[in-house]
Amino acid sequence: RFTISRDNAKNTLYLEMNTLKPDDTAVYSCNWFDRR
């Protein structure tokens, strides 16, 4: 249902969410890890 993608030229991360359900209700945050 969900697809993560990355546009390196734009330095942007995406999350495409389809067939959403009430249980998907939440605060969504992006994260990047490199030593922290």
PDB file of all heavy atoms in Angstrom:
ATOM      1  N   ARG A   1       0.824  -1.220   0.000  1.00  0.00           N
ATOM      2  CA  ARG A   1       0.000   0.000   0.000  1.00  0.00           C
ATOM      3  C   ARG A   1       0.855   1.266   0.000  1.00  0.00           C
ATOM      4  O   ARG A   1       0.467   2.274  -0.578  1.00  0.00           O
ATOM      5  CB  ARG A   1      -0.921   0.023   1.224  1.00  0.00           C
ATOM      6  CG  ARG A   1      -1.888  -1.141   1.308  1.00  0.00           C
ATOM      7  CD  ARG A   1      -2.916  -0.923   2.416  1.00  0.00           C
ATOM      8  NE  ARG A   1      -2.311  -0.843   3.736  1.00  0.00           N
ATOM      9  CZ  ARG A   1      -2.456   0.208   4.558  1.00  0.00           C
ATOM     10  NH1 ARG A   1      -3.184   1.248   4.179  1.00  0.00           N
ATOM     11  NH2 ARG A   1      -1.891   0.205   5.761  1.00  0.00           N
ATOM     12  N   PHE A   2       1.990   1.224   0.674  1.00  0.00           N
ATOM     13  CA  PHE A   2       2.877   2.387   0.790  1.00  0.00           C
ATOM     14  C   PHE A   2       4.126   2.172  -0.055  1.00  0.00           C
ATOM     15  O   PHE A   2       4.641   1.049  -0.159  1.00  0.00           O
ATOM     16  CB  PHE A   2       3.305   2.602   2.243  1.00  0.00           C
ATOM     17  CG  PHE A   2       2.223   3.079   3.161  1.00  0.00           C
ATOM     18  CD1 PHE A   2       0.890   3.071   2.814  1.00  0.00           C
ATOM     19  CD2 PHE A   2       2.562   3.555   4.429  1.00  0.00           C
ATOM     20  CE1 PHE A   2      -0.103   3.518   3.680  1.00  0.00           C
ATOM     21  CE2 PHE A   2       1.587   4.001   5.313  1.00  0.00           C
ATOM     22  CZ  PHE A   2       0.258   3.976   4.931  1.00  0.00           C
ATOM     23  N   THR A   3       4.615   3.265  -0.628  1.00  0.00           N
ATOM     24  CA  THR A   3       5.840   3.207  -1.408  1.00  0.00           C
ATOM     25  C   THR A   3       6.735   4.375  -1.027  1.00  0.00           C
ATOM     26  O   THR A   3       6.311   5.544  -1.109  1.00  0.00           O
ATOM     27  CB  THR A   3       5.551   3.269  -2.915  1.00  0.00           C
ATOM     28  OG1 THR A   3       4.688   2.184  -3.278  1.00  0.00           O
ATOM     29  CG2 THR A   3       6.837   3.170  -3.717  1.00  0.00           C
ATOM     30  N   ILE A   4       7.954   4.071  -0.645  1.00  0.00           N
ATOM     31  CA  ILE A   4       8.936   5.107  -0.344  1.00  0.00           C
ATOM     32  C   ILE A   4       9.801   5.334  -1.580  1.00  0.00           C
ATOM     33  O   ILE A   4      10.113   4.396  -2.316  1.00  0.00           O
ATOM     34  CB  ILE A   4       9.808   4.714   0.874  1.00  0.00           C
ATOM     35  CG1 ILE A   4      10.686   5.884   1.313  1.00  0.00           C
ATOM     36  CG2 ILE A   4      10.633   3.464   0.595  1.00  0.00           C
ATOM     37  CD1 ILE A   4      11.412   5.641   2.632  1.00  0.00           C
ATOM     38  N   SER A   5      10.134   6.591  -1.812  1.00  0.00           N
ATOM     39  CA  SER A   5      11.010   6.902  -2.933  1.00  0.00           C
ATOM     40  C   SER A   5      11.847   8.123  -2.575  1.00  0.00           C
ATOM     41  O   SER A   5      11.562   8.834  -1.606  1.00  0.00           O
ATOM     42  CB  SER A   5      10.220   7.150  -4.216  1.00  0.00           C
ATOM     43  OG  SER A   5       9.336   8.240  -4.067  1.00  0.00           O
ATOM     44  N   ARG A   6      12.839   8.342  -3.405  1.00  0.00           N
ATOM     45  CA  ARG A   6      13.791   9.415  -3.119  1.00  0.00           C
ATOM     46  C   ARG A   6      14.171  10.076  -4.433  1.00  0.00           C
ATOM     47  O   ARG A   6      14.482   9.385  -5.406  1.00  0.00           O
ATOM     48  CB  ARG A   6      15.022   8.805  -2.439  1.00  0.00           C
ATOM     49  CG  ARG A   6      16.085   9.736  -1.963  1.00  0.00           C
ATOM     50  CD  ARG A   6      17.206   8.953  -1.303  1.00  0.00           C
ATOM     51  NE  ARG A   6      17.896   8.095  -2.251  1.00  0.00           N
ATOM     52  CZ  ARG A   6      18.471   6.932  -1.931  1.00  0.00           C
ATOM     53  NH1 ARG A   6      18.422   6.492  -0.688  1.00  0.00           N
ATOM     54  NH2 ARG A   6      19.095   6.219  -2.842  1.00  0.00           N
ATOM     55  N   ASP A   7      14.125  11.380  -4.473  1.00  0.00           N
ATOM     56  CA  ASP A   7      14.575  12.142  -5.626  1.00  0.00           C
ATOM     57  C   ASP A   7      15.906  12.773  -5.245  1.00  0.00           C
ATOM     58  O   ASP A   7      15.943  13.749  -4.496  1.00  0.00           O
ATOM     59  CB  ASP A   7      13.546  13.201  -5.996  1.00  0.00           C
ATOM     60  CG  ASP A   7      13.901  13.935  -7.282  1.00  0.00           C
ATOM     61  OD1 ASP A   7      15.102  14.129  -7.560  1.00  0.00           O
ATOM     62  OD2 ASP A   7      12.972  14.331  -8.005  1.00  0.00           O
ATOM     63  N   ASN A   8      16.975  12.187  -5.736  1.00  0.00           N
ATOM     64  CA  ASN A   8      18.304  12.664  -5.330  1.00  0.00           C
ATOM     65  C   ASN A   8      18.580  14.081  -5.835  1.00  0.00           C
ATOM     66  O   ASN A   8      19.243  14.863  -5.144  1.00  0.00           O
ATOM     67  CB  ASN A   8      19.377  11.712  -5.838  1.00  0.00           C
ATOM     68  CG  ASN A   8      19.291  10.350  -5.177  1.00  0.00           C
ATOM     69  OD1 ASN A   8      18.747  10.211  -4.084  1.00  0.00           O
ATOM     70  ND2 ASN A   8      19.817   9.331  -5.844  1.00  0.00           N
ATOM     71  N   ALA A   9      18.077  14.404  -7.002  1.00  0.00           N
ATOM     72  CA  ALA A   9      18.311  15.739  -7.550  1.00  0.00           C
ATOM     73  C   ALA A   9      17.642  16.814  -6.694  1.00  0.00           C
ATOM     74  O   ALA A   9      18.183  17.905  -6.514  1.00  0.00           O
ATOM     75  CB  ALA A   9      17.800  15.815  -8.977  1.00  0.00           C
ATOM     76  N   LYS A  10      16.474  16.496  -6.162  1.00  0.00           N
ATOM     77  CA  LYS A  10      15.746  17.453  -5.322  1.00  0.00           C
ATOM     78  C   LYS A  10      16.059  17.258  -3.840  1.00  0.00           C
ATOM     79  O   LYS A  10      15.597  18.036  -3.009  1.00  0.00           O
ATOM     80  CB  LYS A  10      14.244  17.316  -5.547  1.00  0.00           C
ATOM     81  CG  LYS A  10      13.791  17.683  -6.946  1.00  0.00           C
ATOM     82  CD  LYS A  10      12.284  17.564  -7.077  1.00  0.00           C
ATOM     83  CE  LYS A  10      11.824  17.961  -8.468  1.00  0.00           C
ATOM     84  NZ  LYS A  10      10.355  17.846  -8.628  1.00  0.00           N
ATOM     85  N   ASN A  11      16.806  16.197  -3.522  1.00  0.00           N
ATOM     86  CA  ASN A  11      17.112  15.865  -2.132  1.00  0.00           C
ATOM     87  C   ASN A  11      15.835  15.796  -1.295  1.00  0.00           C
ATOM     88  O   ASN A  11      15.720  16.395  -0.221  1.00  0.00           O
ATOM     89  CB  ASN A  11      18.091  16.874  -1.522  1.00  0.00           C
ATOM     90  CG  ASN A  11      18.827  16.321  -0.324  1.00  0.00           C
ATOM     91  OD1 ASN A  11      18.992  15.106  -0.181  1.00  0.00           O
ATOM     92  ND2 ASN A  11      19.272  17.207   0.562  1.00  0.00           N
ATOM     93  N   THR A  12      14.868  15.061  -1.842  1.00  0.00           N
ATOM     94  CA  THR A  12      13.545  14.963  -1.229  1.00  0.00           C
ATOM     95  C   THR A  12      13.129  13.505  -1.116  1.00  0.00           C
ATOM     96  O   THR A  12      13.375  12.713  -2.034  1.00  0.00           O
ATOM     97  CB  THR A  12      12.501  15.747  -2.048  1.00  0.00           C
ATOM     98  OG1 THR A  12      12.894  17.125  -2.096  1.00  0.00           O
ATOM     99  CG2 THR A  12      11.115  15.644  -1.439  1.00  0.00           C
ATOM    100  N   LEU A  13      12.529  13.195  -0.008  1.00  0.00           N
ATOM    101  CA  LEU A  13      12.027  11.848   0.278  1.00  0.00           C
ATOM    102  C   LEU A  13      10.512  11.876   0.164  1.00  0.00           C
ATOM    103  O   LEU A  13       9.877  12.867   0.575  1.00  0.00           O
ATOM    104  CB  LEU A  13      12.443  11.451   1.693  1.00  0.00           C
ATOM    105  CG  LEU A  13      12.261  10.007   2.125  1.00  0.00           C
ATOM    106  CD1 LEU A  13      13.204   9.095   1.351  1.00  0.00           C
ATOM    107  CD2 LEU A  13      12.499   9.890   3.624  1.00  0.00           C
ATOM    108  N   TYR A  14       9.938  10.802  -0.381  1.00  0.00           N
ATOM    109  CA  TYR A  14       8.488  10.739  -0.566  1.00  0.00           C
ATOM    110  C   TYR A  14       7.927   9.478   0.077  1.00  0.00           C
ATOM    111  O   TYR A  14       8.620   8.468   0.221  1.00  0.00           O
ATOM    112  CB  TYR A  14       8.137  10.730  -2.058  1.00  0.00           C
ATOM    113  CG  TYR A  14       8.613  11.936  -2.815  1.00  0.00           C
ATOM    114  CD1 TYR A  14       9.800  11.901  -3.539  1.00  0.00           C
ATOM    115  CD2 TYR A  14       7.873  13.120  -2.810  1.00  0.00           C
ATOM    116  CE1 TYR A  14      10.252  13.012  -4.228  1.00  0.00           C
ATOM    117  CE2 TYR A  14       8.313  14.232  -3.505  1.00  0.00           C
ATOM    118  CZ  TYR A  14       9.494  14.170  -4.209  1.00  0.00           C
ATOM    119  OH  TYR A  14       9.937  15.278  -4.890  1.00  0.00           O
ATOM    120  N   LEU A  15       6.668   9.556   0.428  1.00  0.00           N
ATOM    121  CA  LEU A  15       5.928   8.380   0.861  1.00  0.00           C
ATOM    122  C   LEU A  15       4.560   8.427   0.189  1.00  0.00           C
ATOM    123  O   LEU A  15       3.722   9.263   0.531  1.00  0.00           O
ATOM    124  CB  LEU A  15       5.766   8.334   2.379  1.00  0.00           C
ATOM    125  CG  LEU A  15       5.060   7.083   2.902  1.00  0.00           C
ATOM    126  CD1 LEU A  15       5.946   5.843   2.686  1.00  0.00           C
ATOM    127  CD2 LEU A  15       4.704   7.223   4.387  1.00  0.00           C
ATOM    128  N   GLU A  16       4.372   7.547  -0.766  1.00  0.00           N
ATOM    129  CA  GLU A  16       3.075   7.429  -1.428  1.00  0.00           C
ATOM    130  C   GLU A  16       2.254   6.414  -0.653  1.00  0.00           C
ATOM    131  O   GLU A  16       2.682   5.288  -0.431  1.00  0.00           O
ATOM    132  CB  GLU A  16       3.245   6.972  -2.872  1.00  0.00           C
ATOM    133  CG  GLU A  16       1.941   6.813  -3.622  1.00  0.00           C
ATOM    134  CD  GLU A  16       2.145   6.307  -5.036  1.00  0.00           C
ATOM    135  OE1 GLU A  16       3.297   6.229  -5.495  1.00  0.00           O
ATOM    136  OE2 GLU A  16       1.143   5.949  -5.682  1.00  0.00           O
ATOM    137  N   MET A  17       1.075   6.847  -0.234  1.00  0.00           N
ATOM    138  CA  MET A  17       0.210   5.992   0.579  1.00  0.00           C
ATOM    139  C   MET A  17      -1.105   5.774  -0.151  1.00  0.00           C
ATOM    140  O   MET A  17      -1.811   6.749  -0.454  1.00  0.00           O
ATOM    141  CB  MET A  17      -0.039   6.635   1.944  1.00  0.00           C
ATOM    142  CG  MET A  17       1.237   7.000   2.692  1.00  0.00           C
ATOM    143  SD  MET A  17       0.944   7.645   4.340  1.00  0.00           S
ATOM    144  CE  MET A  17       0.172   9.213   3.934  1.00  0.00           C
ATOM    145  N   ASN A  18      -1.424   4.537  -0.412  1.00  0.00           N
ATOM    146  CA  ASN A  18      -2.654   4.172  -1.106  1.00  0.00           C
ATOM    147  C   ASN A  18      -3.514   3.275  -0.222  1.00  0.00           C
ATOM    148  O   ASN A  18      -3.025   2.687   0.746  1.00  0.00           O
ATOM    149  CB  ASN A  18      -2.322   3.458  -2.414  1.00  0.00           C
ATOM    150  CG  ASN A  18      -1.559   4.330  -3.383  1.00  0.00           C
ATOM    151  OD1 ASN A  18      -1.938   5.467  -3.636  1.00  0.00           O
ATOM    152  ND2 ASN A  18      -0.466   3.811  -3.917  1.00  0.00           N
ATOM    153  N   THR A  19      -4.769   3.176  -0.598  1.00  0.00           N
ATOM    154  CA  THR A  19      -5.726   2.335   0.138  1.00  0.00           C
ATOM    155  C   THR A  19      -5.624   2.597   1.643  1.00  0.00           C
ATOM    156  O   THR A  19      -5.463   1.673   2.457  1.00  0.00           O
ATOM    157  CB  THR A  19      -5.477   0.843  -0.166  1.00  0.00           C
ATOM    158  OG1 THR A  19      -5.160   0.657  -1.544  1.00  0.00           O
ATOM    159  CG2 THR A  19      -6.726   0.018   0.156  1.00  0.00           C
ATOM    160  N   LEU A  20      -5.694   3.837   1.989  1.00  0.00           N
ATOM    161  CA  LEU A  20      -5.516   4.217   3.388  1.00  0.00           C
ATOM    162  C   LEU A  20      -6.649   3.697   4.266  1.00  0.00           C
ATOM    163  O   LEU A  20      -7.811   3.603   3.822  1.00  0.00           O
ATOM    164  CB  LEU A  20      -5.406   5.734   3.510  1.00  0.00           C
ATOM    165  CG  LEU A  20      -4.030   6.294   3.111  1.00  0.00           C
ATOM    166  CD1 LEU A  20      -4.113   7.781   2.808  1.00  0.00           C
ATOM    167  CD2 LEU A  20      -3.012   6.023   4.197  1.00  0.00           C
ATOM    168  N   LYS A  21      -6.298   3.377   5.487  1.00  0.00           N
ATOM    169  CA  LYS A  21      -7.246   2.845   6.460  1.00  0.00           C
ATOM    170  C   LYS A  21      -7.279   3.771   7.684  1.00  0.00           C
ATOM    171  O   LYS A  21      -6.295   4.463   7.956  1.00  0.00           O
ATOM    172  CB  LYS A  21      -6.790   1.454   6.916  1.00  0.00           C
ATOM    173  CG  LYS A  21      -6.560   0.463   5.798  1.00  0.00           C
ATOM    174  CD  LYS A  21      -5.982  -0.833   6.337  1.00  0.00           C
ATOM    175  CE  LYS A  21      -5.702  -1.832   5.231  1.00  0.00           C
ATOM    176  NZ  LYS A  21      -5.129  -3.089   5.775  1.00  0.00           N
ATOM    177  N   PRO A  22      -8.356   3.746   8.448  1.00  0.00           N
ATOM    178  CA  PRO A  22      -8.385   4.558   9.671  1.00  0.00           C
ATOM    179  C   PRO A  22      -7.206   4.265  10.599  1.00  0.00           C
ATOM    180  O   PRO A  22      -6.727   5.169  11.291  1.00  0.00           O
ATOM    181  CB  PRO A  22      -9.722   4.172  10.300  1.00  0.00           C
ATOM    182  CG  PRO A  22     -10.587   3.828   9.124  1.00  0.00           C
ATOM    183  CD  PRO A  22      -9.667   3.131   8.149  1.00  0.00           C
ATOM    184  N   ASP A  23      -6.723   3.034  10.608  1.00  0.00           N
ATOM    185  CA  ASP A  23      -5.578   2.674  11.450  1.00  0.00           C
ATOM    186  C   ASP A  23      -4.286   3.348  11.012  1.00  0.00           C
ATOM    187  O   ASP A  23      -3.297   3.328  11.752  1.00  0.00           O
ATOM    188  CB  ASP A  23      -5.362   1.157  11.458  1.00  0.00           C
ATOM    189  CG  ASP A  23      -6.362   0.433  12.344  1.00  0.00           C
ATOM    190  OD1 ASP A  23      -7.073   1.118  13.102  1.00  0.00           O
ATOM    191  OD2 ASP A  23      -6.432  -0.803  12.267  1.00  0.00           O
ATOM    192  N   ASP A  24      -4.281   3.933   9.825  1.00  0.00           N
ATOM    193  CA  ASP A  24      -3.089   4.649   9.358  1.00  0.00           C
ATOM    194  C   ASP A  24      -3.025   6.070   9.925  1.00  0.00           C
ATOM    195  O   ASP A  24      -2.038   6.772   9.707  1.00  0.00           O
ATOM    196  CB  ASP A  24      -3.082   4.723   7.825  1.00  0.00           C
ATOM    197  CG  ASP A  24      -2.943   3.360   7.173  1.00  0.00           C
ATOM    198  OD1 ASP A  24      -2.156   2.528   7.671  1.00  0.00           O
ATOM    199  OD2 ASP A  24      -3.637   3.126   6.165  1.00  0.00           O
ATOM    200  N   THR A  25      -4.051   6.483  10.623  1.00  0.00           N
ATOM    201  CA  THR A  25      -4.073   7.814  11.219  1.00  0.00           C
ATOM    202  C   THR A  25      -2.938   7.965  12.228  1.00  0.00           C
ATOM    203  O   THR A  25      -2.794   7.164  13.150  1.00  0.00           O
ATOM    204  CB  THR A  25      -5.411   8.072  11.924  1.00  0.00           C
ATOM    205  OG1 THR A  25      -6.451   8.079  10.936  1.00  0.00           O
ATOM    206  CG2 THR A  25      -5.407   9.402  12.659  1.00  0.00           C
ATOM    207  N   ALA A  26      -2.113   8.992  12.014  1.00  0.00           N
ATOM    208  CA  ALA A  26      -0.941   9.204  12.873  1.00  0.00           C
ATOM    209  C   ALA A  26      -0.216  10.466  12.422  1.00  0.00           C
ATOM    210  O   ALA A  26      -0.549  11.046  11.380  1.00  0.00           O
ATOM    211  CB  ALA A  26       0.009   8.019  12.789  1.00  0.00           C
ATOM    212  N   VAL A  27       0.763  10.852  13.206  1.00  0.00           N
ATOM    213  CA  VAL A  27       1.713  11.870  12.767  1.00  0.00           C
ATOM    214  C   VAL A  27       2.868  11.139  12.094  1.00  0.00           C
ATOM    215  O   VAL A  27       3.481  10.235  12.684  1.00  0.00           O
ATOM    216  CB  VAL A  27       2.233  12.707  13.954  1.00  0.00           C
ATOM    217  CG1 VAL A  27       3.322  13.670  13.486  1.00  0.00           C
ATOM    218  CG2 VAL A  27       1.091  13.478  14.602  1.00  0.00           C
ATOM    219  N   TYR A  28       3.135  11.533  10.851  1.00  0.00           N
ATOM    220  CA  TYR A  28       4.181  10.898  10.067  1.00  0.00           C
ATOM    221  C   TYR A  28       5.417  11.803  10.047  1.00  0.00           C
ATOM    222  O   TYR A  28       5.311  13.000   9.748  1.00  0.00           O
ATOM    223  CB  TYR A  28       3.690  10.642   8.645  1.00  0.00           C
ATOM    224  CG  TYR A  28       2.729   9.487   8.560  1.00  0.00           C
ATOM    225  CD1 TYR A  28       1.446   9.595   9.078  1.00  0.00           C
ATOM    226  CD2 TYR A  28       3.095   8.283   7.956  1.00  0.00           C
ATOM    227  CE1 TYR A  28       0.556   8.532   9.009  1.00  0.00           C
ATOM    228  CE2 TYR A  28       2.216   7.221   7.878  1.00  0.00           C
ATOM    229  CZ  TYR A  28       0.954   7.348   8.411  1.00  0.00           C
ATOM    230  OH  TYR A  28       0.068   6.288   8.353  1.00  0.00           O
ATOM    231  N   SER A  29       6.566  11.197  10.312  1.00  0.00           N
ATOM    232  CA  SER A  29       7.817  11.958  10.360  1.00  0.00           C
ATOM    233  C   SER A  29       8.865  11.290   9.484  1.00  0.00           C
ATOM    234  O   SER A  29       8.945  10.061   9.421  1.00  0.00           O
ATOM    235  CB  SER A  29       8.355  12.034  11.791  1.00  0.00           C
ATOM    236  OG  SER A  29       7.428  12.644  12.661  1.00  0.00           O
ATOM    237  N   CYS A  30       9.665  12.115   8.835  1.00  0.00           N
ATOM    238  CA  CYS A  30      10.770  11.544   8.082  1.00  0.00           C
ATOM    239  C   CYS A  30      12.023  11.519   8.947  1.00  0.00           C
ATOM    240  O   CYS A  30      12.161  12.299   9.902  1.00  0.00           O
ATOM    241  CB  CYS A  30      11.012  12.284   6.768  1.00  0.00           C
ATOM    242  SG  CYS A  30      11.554  13.991   6.934  1.00  0.00           S
ATOM    243  N   ASN A  31      12.896  10.633   8.595  1.00  0.00           N
ATOM    244  CA  ASN A  31      14.093  10.382   9.403  1.00  0.00           C
ATOM    245  C   ASN A  31      15.274  10.134   8.479  1.00  0.00           C
ATOM    246  O   ASN A  31      15.126   9.553   7.398  1.00  0.00           O
ATOM    247  CB  ASN A  31      13.855   9.167  10.283  1.00  0.00           C
ATOM    248  CG  ASN A  31      15.129   8.654  10.944  1.00  0.00           C
ATOM    249  OD1 ASN A  31      15.875   7.848  10.377  1.00  0.00           O
ATOM    250  ND2 ASN A  31      15.396   9.142  12.146  1.00  0.00           N
ATOM    251  N   TRP A  32      16.436  10.614   8.911  1.00  0.00           N
ATOM    252  CA  TRP A  32      17.681  10.339   8.200  1.00  0.00           C
ATOM    253  C   TRP A  32      18.716   9.951   9.225  1.00  0.00           C
ATOM    254  O   TRP A  32      18.833  10.588  10.284  1.00  0.00           O
ATOM    255  CB  TRP A  32      18.125  11.566   7.421  1.00  0.00           C
ATOM    256  CG  TRP A  32      19.317  11.333   6.544  1.00  0.00           C
ATOM    257  CD1 TRP A  32      19.342  10.662   5.363  1.00  0.00           C
ATOM    258  CD2 TRP A  32      20.650  11.788   6.781  1.00  0.00           C
ATOM    259  NE1 TRP A  32      20.611  10.670   4.848  1.00  0.00           N
ATOM    260  CE2 TRP A  32      21.434  11.354   5.685  1.00  0.00           C
ATOM    261  CE3 TRP A  32      21.256  12.516   7.799  1.00  0.00           C
ATOM    262  CZ2 TRP A  32      22.786  11.625   5.581  1.00  0.00           C
ATOM    263  CZ3 TRP A  32      22.604  12.802   7.694  1.00  0.00           C
ATOM    264  CH2 TRP A  32      23.362  12.344   6.601  1.00  0.00           C
ATOM    265  N   PHE A  33      19.435   8.884   8.946  1.00  0.00           N
ATOM    266  CA  PHE A  33      20.418   8.406   9.899  1.00  0.00           C
ATOM    267  C   PHE A  33      21.793   8.333   9.264  1.00  0.00           C
ATOM    268  O   PHE A  33      21.980   7.709   8.215  1.00  0.00           O
ATOM    269  CB  PHE A  33      20.031   7.020  10.426  1.00  0.00           C
ATOM    270  CG  PHE A  33      21.045   6.461  11.384  1.00  0.00           C
ATOM    271  CD1 PHE A  33      21.015   6.847  12.719  1.00  0.00           C
ATOM    272  CD2 PHE A  33      22.041   5.591  10.965  1.00  0.00           C
ATOM    273  CE1 PHE A  33      21.958   6.363  13.603  1.00  0.00           C
ATOM    274  CE2 PHE A  33      22.987   5.097  11.835  1.00  0.00           C
ATOM    275  CZ  PHE A  33      22.943   5.485  13.167  1.00  0.00           C
ATOM    276  N   ASP A  34      22.737   8.991   9.909  1.00  0.00           N
ATOM    277  CA  ASP A  34      24.149   8.871   9.564  1.00  0.00           C
ATOM    278  C   ASP A  34      24.920   9.174  10.846  1.00  0.00           C
ATOM    279  O   ASP A  34      25.155  10.331  11.170  1.00  0.00           O
ATOM    280  CB  ASP A  34      24.530   9.833   8.446  1.00  0.00           C
ATOM    281  CG  ASP A  34      26.009   9.734   8.109  1.00  0.00           C
ATOM    282  OD1 ASP A  34      26.550   8.613   8.155  1.00  0.00           O
ATOM    283  OD2 ASP A  34      26.623  10.766   7.797  1.00  0.00           O
ATOM    284  N   ARG A  35      25.218   8.167  11.606  1.00  0.00           N
ATOM    285  CA  ARG A  35      25.862   8.229  12.924  1.00  0.00           C
ATOM    286  C   ARG A  35      24.917   8.744  14.011  1.00  0.00           C
ATOM    287  O   ARG A  35      25.129   8.483  15.193  1.00  0.00           O
ATOM    288  CB  ARG A  35      27.131   9.090  12.891  1.00  0.00           C
ATOM    289  CG  ARG A  35      28.250   8.455  12.078  1.00  0.00           C
ATOM    290  CD  ARG A  35      29.440   9.350  11.976  1.00  0.00           C
ATOM    291  NE  ARG A  35      29.170  10.514  11.139  1.00  0.00           N
ATOM    292  CZ  ARG A  35      30.063  11.481  10.918  1.00  0.00           C
ATOM    293  NH1 ARG A  35      31.244  11.444  11.496  1.00  0.00           N
ATOM    294  NH2 ARG A  35      29.742  12.493  10.136  1.00  0.00           N
ATOM    295  N   ARG A  36      23.877   9.452  13.619  1.00  0.00           N
ATOM    296  CA  ARG A  36      22.831   9.840  14.566  1.00  0.00           C
ATOM    297  C   ARG A  36      21.557  10.060  13.778  1.00  0.00           C
ATOM    298  O   ARG A  36      21.576  10.190  12.550  1.00  0.00           O
ATOM    299  CB  ARG A  36      23.205  11.096  15.357  1.00  0.00           C
ATOM    300  CG  ARG A  36      23.543  12.314  14.516  1.00  0.00           C
ATOM    301  CD  ARG A  36      23.230  13.616  15.215  1.00  0.00           C
ATOM    302  NE  ARG A  36      21.790  13.867  15.260  1.00  0.00           N
ATOM    303  CZ  ARG A  36      21.255  15.004  15.690  1.00  0.00           C
ATOM    304  NH1 ARG A  36      22.033  15.965  16.145  1.00  0.00           N
ATOM    305  NH2 ARG A  36      19.938  15.169  15.699  1.00  0.00           N
TER     306      ARG A  36
END
